[in-house]
Amino acid sequence: MKKLFKNLFVVLTSFALGVSILSTKAEAGNEKNNDLIIVNKAYNKMVFINDGFIEMVAPVGTGRTWELTPVGQFKVVNMVKNRPYYKKNIPGGSPNNPLGARWIGFSVPGNWGTETGNVFALHGTNQPASIGGYVSSGCIRMYNSDIIKLYDKVANGTPVTITYSYKSFQELAKIYGYSIKGFR
């Protein structure tokens, strides 16, 4: 009987150690994402900060009115190449698709009544002249060449901050807990 308890103790201890190791690996995989996207509606510009370095600054188009593009802190929740425009049944990749070449969706709490539910996005556009203006129904438009570059660098879970401020991107990054080491 003692041998049975001893063997059972060894098995349970091994199991507990295995669970502990797996748990540690899972936690290590969930380290803080050191990336940040800031969209400043005052200047209609976007910055992508990668591990403390400004990697990309690009012009954007935002909502026609103040309330259409939400201000706040969000996270990337989905990314799609050549996303269809469901509202008008336009396939992804089509030249008349207003969503352009890439879609980086982020979740916004509340009821915003968009075609995608509570998901807004940074996305390309088939209307490049609209970039820099207050033109959209809420999403953030980018030149297709810029959204393709950004898409290739961003991961799900990346923080997205939308603000309206006359502060520099360096000052804003500091407010949000990021320090800028330089430019890439």
Protein backbone atom coordinates (compact mmCIF):
# COMPACT_ATOMS: atom_id res chain seq x y z
CA MET A 1 0.00 0.00 0.00
CA LYS A 2 2.88 2.39 0.80
CA LYS A 3 4.37 1.67 -2.63
CA LEU A 4 1.01 2.49 -4.29
CA PHE A 5 0.82 5.86 -2.46
CA LYS A 6 4.46 6.58 -3.30
CA ASN A 7 3.84 5.86 -7.00
CA LEU A 8 0.66 7.92 -6.95
CA PHE A 9 2.56 10.79 -5.29
CA VAL A 10 5.26 10.64 -8.02
CA VAL A 11 2.65 10.65 -10.80
CA LEU A 12 0.69 13.57 -9.28
CA THR A 13 3.86 15.54 -8.60
CA SER A 14 5.03 14.98 -12.18
CA PHE A 15 1.62 16.04 -13.48
CA ALA A 16 1.64 19.19 -11.33
CA LEU A 17 5.16 20.05 -12.50
CA GLY A 18 4.11 19.55 -16.13
CA VAL A 19 1.09 21.83 -15.68
CA SER A 20 3.32 24.42 -14.02
CA ILE A 21 5.80 24.32 -16.91
CA LEU A 22 3.00 24.61 -19.49
CA SER A 23 1.47 27.48 -17.55
CA THR A 24 4.82 29.31 -17.49
CA LYS A 25 5.20 28.87 -21.25
CA ALA A 26 1.70 30.20 -21.83
CA GLU A 27 2.44 33.22 -19.65
CA ALA A 28 5.72 33.82 -21.48
CA GLY A 29 3.81 33.79 -24.77
CA ASN A 30 1.44 36.45 -23.42
CA GLU A 31 4.12 39.04 -22.70
CA LYS A 32 3.14 42.66 -23.18
CA ASN A 33 3.02 43.65 -26.82
CA ASN A 34 5.62 46.42 -27.16
CA ASP A 35 3.92 47.78 -30.27
CA LEU A 36 1.45 50.64 -30.42
CA ILE A 37 -0.62 52.29 -33.13
CA ILE A 38 -1.70 55.88 -32.46
CA VAL A 39 -4.18 57.65 -34.73
CA ASN A 40 -4.39 61.39 -34.14
CA LYS A 41 -7.58 62.86 -35.58
CA ALA A 42 -6.29 66.42 -35.08
CA TYR A 43 -3.62 65.85 -37.76
CA ASN A 44 -5.20 62.82 -39.46
CA LYS A 45 -1.97 60.89 -39.10
CA MET A 46 -1.09 57.44 -37.81
CA VAL A 47 2.13 56.28 -36.17
CA PHE A 48 3.24 52.70 -35.65
CA ILE A 49 5.67 52.21 -32.78
CA ASN A 50 7.51 48.87 -32.81
CA ASP A 51 9.45 47.93 -29.69
CA GLY A 52 10.05 51.61 -28.86
CA PHE A 53 11.00 52.74 -32.37
CA ILE A 54 8.82 54.82 -34.67
CA GLU A 55 8.61 52.52 -37.65
CA MET A 56 5.94 54.24 -39.72
CA VAL A 57 4.07 57.53 -39.91
CA ALA A 58 1.29 57.83 -42.49
CA PRO A 59 -1.62 60.12 -43.35
CA VAL A 60 -5.14 58.78 -42.74
CA GLY A 61 -8.74 59.72 -43.40
CA THR A 62 -11.16 59.63 -40.44
CA GLY A 63 -14.87 60.12 -39.76
CA ARG A 64 -16.88 62.87 -41.42
CA THR A 65 -18.04 63.98 -37.97
CA TRP A 66 -16.37 63.86 -34.56
CA GLU A 67 -18.42 60.97 -33.20
CA LEU A 68 -18.01 58.65 -36.21
CA THR A 69 -14.41 57.65 -35.42
CA PRO A 70 -14.33 56.68 -31.73
CA VAL A 71 -11.67 58.09 -29.41
CA GLY A 72 -10.16 55.64 -26.94
CA GLN A 73 -7.85 52.68 -26.46
CA PHE A 74 -8.55 49.46 -28.31
CA LYS A 75 -6.81 46.28 -29.52
CA VAL A 76 -6.44 44.67 -32.93
CA VAL A 77 -8.86 41.73 -33.08
CA ASN A 78 -8.78 40.63 -36.72
CA MET A 79 -6.78 41.13 -39.87
CA VAL A 80 -7.99 40.36 -43.38
CA LYS A 81 -6.38 40.60 -46.81
CA ASN A 82 -8.77 41.87 -49.49
CA ARG A 83 -11.83 41.91 -47.24
CA PRO A 84 -15.19 41.88 -49.04
CA TYR A 85 -17.43 44.91 -48.63
CA TYR A 86 -20.49 43.09 -47.34
CA LYS A 87 -22.80 46.10 -47.26
CA LYS A 88 -22.82 46.29 -51.07
CA ASN A 89 -21.74 42.71 -51.80
CA ILE A 90 -18.42 43.78 -53.38
CA PRO A 91 -15.79 41.03 -53.37
CA GLY A 92 -12.36 41.54 -51.81
CA GLY A 93 -9.70 42.56 -54.30
CA SER A 94 -12.22 44.26 -56.58
CA PRO A 95 -11.11 47.73 -57.78
CA ASN A 96 -14.46 49.20 -56.66
CA ASN A 97 -14.13 47.78 -53.10
CA PRO A 98 -13.88 50.83 -50.79
CA LEU A 99 -11.99 48.78 -48.14
CA GLY A 100 -8.83 48.49 -50.21
CA ALA A 101 -6.13 45.84 -49.94
CA ARG A 102 -5.98 45.19 -46.15
CA TRP A 103 -8.22 45.40 -43.08
CA ILE A 104 -6.89 45.71 -39.51
CA GLY A 105 -9.96 45.49 -37.28
CA PHE A 106 -10.16 46.61 -33.65
CA SER A 107 -12.99 46.12 -31.22
CA VAL A 108 -14.91 49.13 -29.93
CA PRO A 109 -17.28 48.71 -26.96
CA GLY A 110 -20.84 49.94 -27.26
CA ASN A 111 -23.34 49.98 -30.09
CA TRP A 112 -21.88 51.86 -33.02
CA GLY A 113 -24.20 50.37 -35.63
CA THR A 114 -21.58 49.57 -38.26
CA GLU A 115 -21.91 46.83 -40.85
CA THR A 116 -19.27 44.88 -38.91
CA GLY A 117 -20.88 45.19 -35.48
CA ASN A 118 -18.56 46.81 -32.99
CA VAL A 119 -15.41 46.37 -35.05
CA PHE A 120 -13.78 49.37 -36.67
CA ALA A 121 -10.67 49.21 -38.78
CA LEU A 122 -7.67 50.77 -40.32
CA HIS A 123 -8.07 49.81 -43.96
CA GLY A 124 -7.05 50.70 -47.48
CA THR A 125 -9.27 52.58 -49.87
CA ASN A 126 -10.11 52.88 -53.54
CA GLN A 127 -10.44 56.65 -52.99
CA PRO A 128 -6.86 57.84 -52.34
CA ALA A 129 -7.87 61.52 -52.63
CA SER A 130 -9.85 61.09 -49.38
CA ILE A 131 -6.70 60.44 -47.31
CA GLY A 132 -5.98 63.33 -44.96
CA GLY A 133 -9.61 64.40 -44.73
CA TYR A 134 -12.62 63.85 -42.51
CA VAL A 135 -14.44 61.60 -44.92
CA SER A 136 -15.33 58.14 -43.62
CA SER A 137 -18.30 56.55 -41.89
CA GLY A 138 -16.01 55.82 -38.94
CA CYS A 139 -13.16 53.60 -40.06
CA ILE A 140 -9.68 54.93 -40.65
CA ARG A 141 -8.65 55.01 -44.30
CA MET A 142 -5.06 54.63 -45.47
CA TYR A 143 -3.31 54.50 -48.83
CA ASN A 144 -3.20 50.87 -49.96
CA SER A 145 0.62 50.93 -50.04
CA ASP A 146 0.69 52.15 -46.41
CA ILE A 147 -1.88 49.66 -45.08
CA ILE A 148 -0.01 46.79 -46.76
CA LYS A 149 3.22 47.84 -44.99
CA LEU A 150 1.41 48.22 -41.66
CA TYR A 151 -0.45 44.92 -42.04
CA ASP A 152 2.82 43.05 -42.47
CA LYS A 153 4.16 44.48 -39.18
CA VAL A 154 1.12 44.34 -36.87
CA ALA A 155 -0.17 41.38 -34.84
CA ASN A 156 -3.53 40.61 -33.27
CA GLY A 157 -3.63 42.15 -29.80
CA THR A 158 -1.63 45.24 -30.79
CA PRO A 159 -2.95 48.29 -28.90
CA VAL A 160 -4.64 50.99 -31.01
CA THR A 161 -5.14 54.43 -29.51
CA ILE A 162 -7.30 57.02 -31.25
CA THR A 163 -7.06 60.55 -29.97
CA TYR A 164 -7.58 64.19 -30.90
CA SER A 165 -4.57 66.11 -29.63
CA TYR A 166 -2.06 68.76 -30.65
CA LYS A 167 0.73 66.89 -28.85
CA SER A 168 3.51 65.18 -30.79
CA PHE A 169 3.51 61.43 -31.27
CA GLN A 170 6.47 61.24 -28.86
CA GLU A 171 4.46 63.05 -26.16
CA LEU A 172 1.40 60.89 -26.81
CA ALA A 173 3.43 57.66 -26.65
CA LYS A 174 4.78 58.74 -23.25
CA ILE A 175 1.24 59.42 -22.00
CA TYR A 176 0.27 55.88 -23.03
CA GLY A 177 3.27 54.34 -21.26
CA TYR A 178 5.65 53.90 -24.21
CA SER A 179 9.04 55.52 -24.61
CA ILE A 180 10.41 56.37 -28.02
CA LYS A 181 13.99 55.17 -28.59
CA GLY A 182 14.27 56.54 -32.12
CA PHE A 183 13.21 55.97 -35.70
CA ARG A 184 13.62 52.98 -38.03
